[in-house]
């Protein structure tokens, strides 16, 4: 059987473990958010160029000229 002191000590240890776990989770989340993301296939120069053309940021001539330059 748990004595009053033993139950108090076990409860205290449980709260410390929970607090440390939350701290580790918080630090991991911040580190993951701050880490540079690996480049994706959608971020290739050609994909960026296609998005710019599709959004009307550049015209067809500039798109085709830049595409030829990228493929060299």
N, C-alpha and C. Protein backbone atom coordinates (compact mmCIF):
# COMPACT_ATOMS: atom_id res chain seq x y z
N UNK A 1 0.82 -1.19 0.00
CA UNK A 1 0.00 0.00 0.00
C UNK A 1 0.86 1.25 0.00
N UNK A 2 0.33 2.24 -0.66
CA UNK A 2 1.04 3.51 -0.71
C UNK A 2 0.86 4.26 0.60
N UNK A 3 1.94 4.75 1.08
CA UNK A 3 1.81 5.66 2.22
C UNK A 3 1.49 7.03 1.66
N UNK A 4 1.13 7.92 2.52
CA UNK A 4 0.81 9.28 2.07
C UNK A 4 2.03 9.93 1.41
N UNK A 5 3.19 9.71 1.98
CA UNK A 5 4.42 10.27 1.41
C UNK A 5 4.73 9.63 0.06
N UNK A 6 4.55 8.34 -0.07
CA UNK A 6 4.84 7.64 -1.32
C UNK A 6 3.92 8.08 -2.44
N UNK A 7 2.66 8.29 -2.15
CA UNK A 7 1.72 8.75 -3.16
C UNK A 7 2.06 10.16 -3.61
N UNK A 8 2.43 10.99 -2.66
CA UNK A 8 2.81 12.36 -2.99
C UNK A 8 4.05 12.39 -3.87
N UNK A 9 5.02 11.57 -3.53
CA UNK A 9 6.27 11.50 -4.31
C UNK A 9 6.00 10.98 -5.72
N UNK A 10 5.16 9.95 -5.83
CA UNK A 10 4.84 9.40 -7.15
C UNK A 10 4.10 10.43 -7.99
N UNK A 11 3.18 11.16 -7.39
CA UNK A 11 2.46 12.21 -8.12
C UNK A 11 3.39 13.32 -8.56
N UNK A 12 4.33 13.68 -7.71
CA UNK A 12 5.29 14.72 -8.05
C UNK A 12 6.15 14.27 -9.24
N UNK A 13 6.62 13.01 -9.19
CA UNK A 13 7.42 12.50 -10.31
C UNK A 13 6.61 12.47 -11.60
N UNK A 14 5.37 12.11 -11.53
CA UNK A 14 4.51 12.07 -12.72
C UNK A 14 4.40 13.46 -13.33
N UNK A 15 4.19 14.47 -12.53
CA UNK A 15 4.09 15.84 -13.06
C UNK A 15 5.40 16.30 -13.67
N UNK A 16 6.53 15.92 -13.07
CA UNK A 16 7.83 16.28 -13.66
C UNK A 16 8.02 15.60 -15.02
N UNK A 17 7.62 14.36 -15.12
CA UNK A 17 7.75 13.64 -16.40
C UNK A 17 6.86 14.28 -17.46
N UNK A 18 5.64 14.63 -17.09
CA UNK A 18 4.73 15.30 -18.03
C UNK A 18 5.30 16.65 -18.45
N UNK A 19 5.82 17.42 -17.50
CA UNK A 19 6.37 18.74 -17.81
C UNK A 19 7.59 18.63 -18.73
N UNK A 20 8.46 17.69 -18.46
CA UNK A 20 9.65 17.50 -19.31
C UNK A 20 9.23 17.02 -20.70
N UNK A 21 8.24 16.14 -20.77
CA UNK A 21 7.73 15.69 -22.07
C UNK A 21 7.16 16.84 -22.88
N UNK A 22 6.39 17.70 -22.23
CA UNK A 22 5.85 18.86 -22.94
C UNK A 22 6.95 19.81 -23.39
N UNK A 23 7.97 19.99 -22.58
CA UNK A 23 9.10 20.85 -22.96
C UNK A 23 9.83 20.27 -24.16
N UNK A 24 10.07 18.97 -24.15
CA UNK A 24 10.74 18.31 -25.28
C UNK A 24 9.89 18.46 -26.54
N UNK A 25 8.59 18.26 -26.43
CA UNK A 25 7.69 18.41 -27.57
C UNK A 25 7.72 19.84 -28.11
N UNK A 26 7.72 20.80 -27.23
CA UNK A 26 7.75 22.21 -27.63
C UNK A 26 9.06 22.55 -28.36
N UNK A 27 10.19 22.11 -27.81
CA UNK A 27 11.49 22.38 -28.45
C UNK A 27 11.56 21.68 -29.81
N UNK A 28 11.06 20.44 -29.90
CA UNK A 28 11.06 19.71 -31.17
C UNK A 28 10.23 20.45 -32.22
N UNK A 29 9.06 20.95 -31.82
CA UNK A 29 8.18 21.66 -32.76
C UNK A 29 8.84 22.93 -33.25
N UNK A 30 9.50 23.66 -32.38
CA UNK A 30 10.17 24.90 -32.79
C UNK A 30 11.35 24.58 -33.71
N UNK A 31 12.12 23.56 -33.38
CA UNK A 31 13.26 23.19 -34.21
C UNK A 31 12.80 22.74 -35.59
N UNK A 32 11.71 22.00 -35.65
CA UNK A 32 11.19 21.53 -36.94
C UNK A 32 10.69 22.70 -37.79
N UNK A 33 10.05 23.66 -37.15
CA UNK A 33 9.53 24.82 -37.88
C UNK A 33 10.67 25.71 -38.38
N UNK A 34 11.76 25.77 -37.64
CA UNK A 34 12.87 26.64 -38.00
C UNK A 34 13.84 25.98 -38.99
N UNK A 35 13.79 24.67 -39.12
CA UNK A 35 14.71 23.97 -40.01
C UNK A 35 14.37 24.28 -41.46
N UNK A 36 15.41 24.44 -42.28
CA UNK A 36 15.14 24.68 -43.70
C UNK A 36 14.44 23.49 -44.33
N UNK A 37 13.48 23.78 -45.16
CA UNK A 37 12.72 22.72 -45.82
C UNK A 37 13.50 22.21 -47.03
N UNK A 38 13.40 20.93 -47.28
CA UNK A 38 14.08 20.37 -48.45
C UNK A 38 13.33 20.81 -49.71
N UNK A 39 14.06 21.04 -50.78
CA UNK A 39 13.39 21.48 -52.01
C UNK A 39 12.46 20.39 -52.54
N UNK A 40 11.32 20.81 -53.00
CA UNK A 40 10.34 19.88 -53.56
C UNK A 40 10.42 19.94 -55.08
N UNK A 41 9.85 18.96 -55.73
CA UNK A 41 9.84 18.94 -57.19
C UNK A 41 9.03 20.12 -57.73
N UNK A 42 8.00 20.55 -56.97
CA UNK A 42 7.18 21.68 -57.42
C UNK A 42 7.96 22.99 -57.39
N UNK A 43 9.10 23.02 -56.69
CA UNK A 43 9.89 24.23 -56.59
C UNK A 43 11.05 24.26 -57.58
N UNK A 44 11.01 23.40 -58.59
CA UNK A 44 12.06 23.41 -59.59
C UNK A 44 11.94 24.71 -60.40
N UNK A 45 13.01 25.16 -61.01
CA UNK A 45 12.94 26.40 -61.80
C UNK A 45 11.86 26.37 -62.89
N UNK A 46 11.71 25.22 -63.54
CA UNK A 46 10.68 25.12 -64.58
C UNK A 46 9.28 25.22 -63.99
N UNK A 47 9.06 24.62 -62.83
CA UNK A 47 7.74 24.70 -62.19
C UNK A 47 7.43 26.13 -61.75
N UNK A 48 8.43 26.81 -61.23
CA UNK A 48 8.23 28.22 -60.84
C UNK A 48 7.91 29.06 -62.07
N UNK A 49 8.64 28.81 -63.15
CA UNK A 49 8.39 29.54 -64.40
C UNK A 49 6.97 29.28 -64.91
N UNK A 50 6.53 28.03 -64.85
CA UNK A 50 5.17 27.70 -65.29
C UNK A 50 4.13 28.41 -64.43
N UNK A 51 4.35 28.46 -63.13
CA UNK A 51 3.40 29.15 -62.25
C UNK A 51 3.35 30.64 -62.56
N UNK A 52 4.52 31.23 -62.82
CA UNK A 52 4.55 32.66 -63.15
C UNK A 52 3.82 32.94 -64.45
N UNK A 53 3.98 32.06 -65.44
CA UNK A 53 3.29 32.22 -66.72
C UNK A 53 1.78 32.02 -66.54
N UNK A 54 1.42 31.02 -65.77
CA UNK A 54 0.00 30.73 -65.56
C UNK A 54 -0.70 31.86 -64.81
N UNK A 55 0.01 32.52 -63.93
CA UNK A 55 -0.61 33.61 -63.16
C UNK A 55 -0.60 34.93 -63.92
N UNK A 56 0.03 34.95 -65.11
CA UNK A 56 0.05 36.18 -65.90
C UNK A 56 1.17 37.12 -65.54
N UNK A 57 2.09 36.66 -64.72
CA UNK A 57 3.22 37.49 -64.29
C UNK A 57 4.18 37.76 -65.45
N UNK A 58 4.32 36.79 -66.35
CA UNK A 58 5.18 36.94 -67.53
C UNK A 58 4.37 36.56 -68.77
N UNK A 59 4.81 37.07 -69.92
CA UNK A 59 4.11 36.76 -71.15
C UNK A 59 4.71 35.51 -71.82
N UNK A 60 4.08 35.10 -72.92
CA UNK A 60 4.50 33.86 -73.59
C UNK A 60 5.93 33.93 -74.10
N UNK A 61 6.32 35.07 -74.66
CA UNK A 61 7.68 35.19 -75.21
C UNK A 61 8.73 35.05 -74.11
N UNK A 62 8.49 35.71 -72.98
CA UNK A 62 9.44 35.61 -71.88
C UNK A 62 9.48 34.19 -71.31
N UNK A 63 8.30 33.56 -71.25
CA UNK A 63 8.23 32.17 -70.77
C UNK A 63 9.06 31.26 -71.66
N UNK A 64 8.86 31.35 -72.97
CA UNK A 64 9.58 30.46 -73.89
C UNK A 64 11.07 30.74 -73.90
N UNK A 65 11.45 32.01 -73.85
CA UNK A 65 12.87 32.37 -73.84
C UNK A 65 13.54 31.85 -72.56
N UNK A 66 12.90 32.04 -71.44
CA UNK A 66 13.47 31.61 -70.18
C UNK A 66 13.52 30.07 -70.10
N UNK A 67 12.50 29.41 -70.62
CA UNK A 67 12.48 27.96 -70.63
C UNK A 67 13.64 27.40 -71.43
N UNK A 68 13.93 28.01 -72.58
CA UNK A 68 15.07 27.57 -73.39
C UNK A 68 16.37 27.77 -72.61
N UNK A 69 16.51 28.92 -71.93
CA UNK A 69 17.71 29.18 -71.13
C UNK A 69 17.85 28.16 -69.99
N UNK A 70 16.74 27.82 -69.35
CA UNK A 70 16.82 26.87 -68.24
C UNK A 70 17.22 25.48 -68.71
N UNK A 71 16.83 25.11 -69.89
CA UNK A 71 17.11 23.76 -70.38
C UNK A 71 18.49 23.63 -71.00
N UNK A 72 19.24 24.69 -71.06
CA UNK A 72 20.60 24.62 -71.62
C UNK A 72 21.54 23.93 -70.67
